[in-house]
Amino acid sequence: MNKKSFDAIQTFCDNQKETVTTSERDFIVRKFLESVFDAVEKHEKNRNAYPSTQEIESIEQTLLVDSNLESFVDSARKFYLSTQQSLINDYDRKFKRTSIWRDVGIGILSAFLYSLLLVIFYIVAQDQIAGWLKGLIDNASKIP
């Protein structure tokens, strides 16, 4: 692909009514190159010879027709739209509203149970702690 072909694709994308994003432009260039390589490979198989520079330029000019570029733009938009829709569907399937509220409820319940266990351990161990502190005070008073 030469600069002239690249510039033709960029100019076509700039002249579109809807903005063509950078990722869509990248897709268009890749589709164009893929089509060129496929045509060159087909030519090579049919004639058992690599095409000349003029034949390659002819292939590129054929692919740079507005109808072909428009189909590349449509393919890019369909591809990214389907990818976006697939990601949204995967997200919706994994993270439903009910699962969010369930997770919030579980978090609140577990925090409450943890606090309750701390209070129970404090009440049960209160006498033990008092005994340790009394023993420390008694030992400290025996030291001259």
Protein backbone atom coordinates (compact mmCIF):
# COMPACT_ATOMS: atom_id res chain seq x y z
CA MET A 1 0.00 0.00 0.00
CA ASN A 2 1.38 3.37 -0.93
CA LYS A 3 0.78 6.78 0.60
CA LYS A 4 -1.58 7.76 -2.20
CA SER A 5 -3.93 4.86 -1.32
CA PHE A 6 -3.71 5.63 2.38
CA ASP A 7 -4.49 9.30 1.76
CA ALA A 8 -7.46 8.33 -0.42
CA ILE A 9 -8.88 6.21 2.41
CA GLN A 10 -8.31 9.00 4.95
CA THR A 11 -9.96 11.58 2.68
CA PHE A 12 -12.93 9.29 2.13
CA CYS A 13 -13.29 8.81 5.91
CA ASP A 14 -13.03 12.58 6.51
CA ASN A 15 -15.82 13.25 4.00
CA GLN A 16 -18.31 10.90 5.64
CA LYS A 17 -21.47 12.39 7.20
CA GLU A 18 -20.93 10.46 10.41
CA THR A 19 -17.54 10.70 12.07
CA VAL A 20 -15.32 7.72 11.40
CA THR A 21 -13.41 6.87 14.58
CA THR A 22 -9.74 6.01 14.66
CA SER A 23 -10.44 2.35 15.38
CA GLU A 24 -12.87 2.22 12.46
CA ARG A 25 -10.24 3.81 10.20
CA ASP A 26 -7.77 1.19 11.33
CA PHE A 27 -10.29 -1.53 10.51
CA ILE A 28 -10.88 -0.01 7.06
CA VAL A 29 -7.16 0.09 6.27
CA ARG A 30 -6.75 -3.51 7.42
CA LYS A 31 -9.74 -4.63 5.33
CA PHE A 32 -8.33 -2.78 2.31
CA LEU A 33 -4.93 -4.44 2.74
CA GLU A 34 -6.56 -7.82 3.26
CA SER A 35 -8.49 -7.38 0.01
CA VAL A 36 -5.34 -6.32 -1.86
CA PHE A 37 -3.39 -9.32 -0.55
CA ASP A 38 -6.25 -11.68 -1.42
CA ALA A 39 -6.41 -10.28 -4.97
CA VAL A 40 -2.64 -10.55 -5.40
CA GLU A 41 -2.68 -14.12 -4.09
CA LYS A 42 -5.55 -15.04 -6.42
CA HIS A 43 -3.68 -13.46 -9.36
CA GLU A 44 -0.56 -15.40 -8.41
CA LYS A 45 -2.46 -18.71 -8.31
CA ASN A 46 -4.26 -18.10 -11.61
CA ARG A 47 -1.23 -16.97 -13.60
CA ASN A 48 1.59 -18.65 -11.67
CA ALA A 49 3.40 -15.32 -11.50
CA TYR A 50 3.54 -12.43 -9.11
CA PRO A 51 1.58 -9.42 -10.49
CA SER A 52 3.48 -6.44 -11.84
CA THR A 53 3.51 -3.07 -10.13
CA GLN A 54 0.93 -1.75 -12.61
CA GLU A 55 -1.38 -4.67 -11.91
CA ILE A 56 -1.09 -4.11 -8.16
CA GLU A 57 -1.86 -0.41 -8.63
CA SER A 58 -4.86 -1.40 -10.75
CA ILE A 59 -6.08 -3.70 -7.97
CA GLU A 60 -5.67 -0.91 -5.41
CA GLN A 61 -7.51 1.62 -7.61
CA THR A 62 -10.37 -0.84 -8.03
CA LEU A 63 -10.63 -1.22 -4.27
CA LEU A 64 -10.49 2.56 -3.73
CA VAL A 65 -13.81 3.08 -5.49
CA ASP A 66 -16.33 4.80 -3.19
CA SER A 67 -18.69 1.82 -3.14
CA ASN A 68 -15.90 -0.49 -1.92
CA LEU A 69 -14.75 2.01 0.72
CA GLU A 70 -18.36 2.46 1.82
CA SER A 71 -18.67 -1.29 2.31
CA PHE A 72 -15.45 -1.23 4.37
CA VAL A 73 -16.93 1.55 6.55
CA ASP A 74 -20.16 -0.43 6.99
CA SER A 75 -18.18 -3.55 7.90
CA ALA A 76 -16.16 -1.60 10.47
CA ARG A 77 -19.26 -0.11 12.07
CA LYS A 78 -21.05 -3.47 12.17
CA PHE A 79 -17.99 -5.15 13.67
CA TYR A 80 -17.55 -2.59 16.45
CA LEU A 81 -21.30 -2.43 17.11
CA SER A 82 -21.50 -6.21 17.47
CA THR A 83 -18.42 -6.22 19.70
CA GLN A 84 -19.89 -3.49 21.88
CA GLN A 85 -23.23 -5.30 22.10
CA SER A 86 -21.47 -8.55 23.01
CA LEU A 87 -19.56 -6.84 25.83
CA ILE A 88 -22.74 -5.21 27.15
CA ASN A 89 -24.60 -8.52 27.08
CA ASP A 90 -21.75 -10.28 28.91
CA TYR A 91 -21.71 -7.53 31.55
CA ASP A 92 -25.49 -7.63 31.99
CA ARG A 93 -25.43 -11.40 32.29
CA LYS A 94 -22.76 -11.35 35.01
CA PHE A 95 -23.85 -8.27 36.96
CA LYS A 96 -27.60 -8.07 37.31
CA ARG A 97 -29.28 -5.55 39.61
CA THR A 98 -30.53 -8.32 41.87
CA SER A 99 -27.02 -9.66 42.36
CA ILE A 100 -25.75 -6.19 43.34
CA TRP A 101 -28.41 -5.78 46.05
CA ARG A 102 -27.81 -9.33 47.20
CA ASP A 103 -24.09 -8.57 47.57
CA VAL A 104 -24.86 -5.37 49.49
CA GLY A 105 -27.18 -7.31 51.82
CA ILE A 106 -24.57 -10.00 52.40
CA GLY A 107 -21.97 -7.32 53.20
CA ILE A 108 -24.22 -5.63 55.75
CA LEU A 109 -25.18 -8.95 57.34
CA SER A 110 -21.56 -10.10 57.60
CA ALA A 111 -20.51 -6.77 59.18
CA PHE A 112 -23.34 -7.11 61.73
CA LEU A 113 -22.38 -10.71 62.58
CA TYR A 114 -18.71 -9.72 62.99
CA SER A 115 -19.67 -6.91 65.37
CA LEU A 116 -21.93 -9.25 67.32
CA LEU A 117 -19.12 -11.81 67.68
CA LEU A 118 -16.75 -9.12 68.97
CA VAL A 119 -19.29 -8.06 71.62
CA ILE A 120 -19.82 -11.70 72.69
CA PHE A 121 -16.07 -12.33 72.95
CA TYR A 122 -15.65 -9.17 75.00
CA ILE A 123 -18.42 -10.15 77.42
CA VAL A 124 -17.10 -13.73 77.79
CA ALA A 125 -13.48 -12.65 78.16
CA GLN A 126 -14.14 -9.69 80.45
CA ASP A 127 -13.50 -11.70 83.62
CA GLN A 128 -10.35 -13.24 82.12
CA ILE A 129 -8.98 -9.84 81.14
CA ALA A 130 -9.78 -8.44 84.60
CA GLY A 131 -7.93 -11.39 86.18
CA TRP A 132 -4.83 -10.75 84.03
CA LEU A 133 -4.80 -7.07 84.84
CA LYS A 134 -5.22 -7.75 88.58
CA GLY A 135 -2.33 -10.21 88.44
CA LEU A 136 -0.13 -7.63 86.72
CA ILE A 137 -1.01 -5.00 89.32
CA ASP A 138 -0.29 -7.40 92.18
CA ASN A 139 3.09 -8.34 90.66
CA ALA A 140 3.93 -4.69 90.13
CA SER A 141 3.15 -3.83 93.80
CA LYS A 142 5.49 -6.61 95.04
CA ILE A 143 8.47 -5.13 93.23
CA PRO A 144 10.36 -2.82 95.70
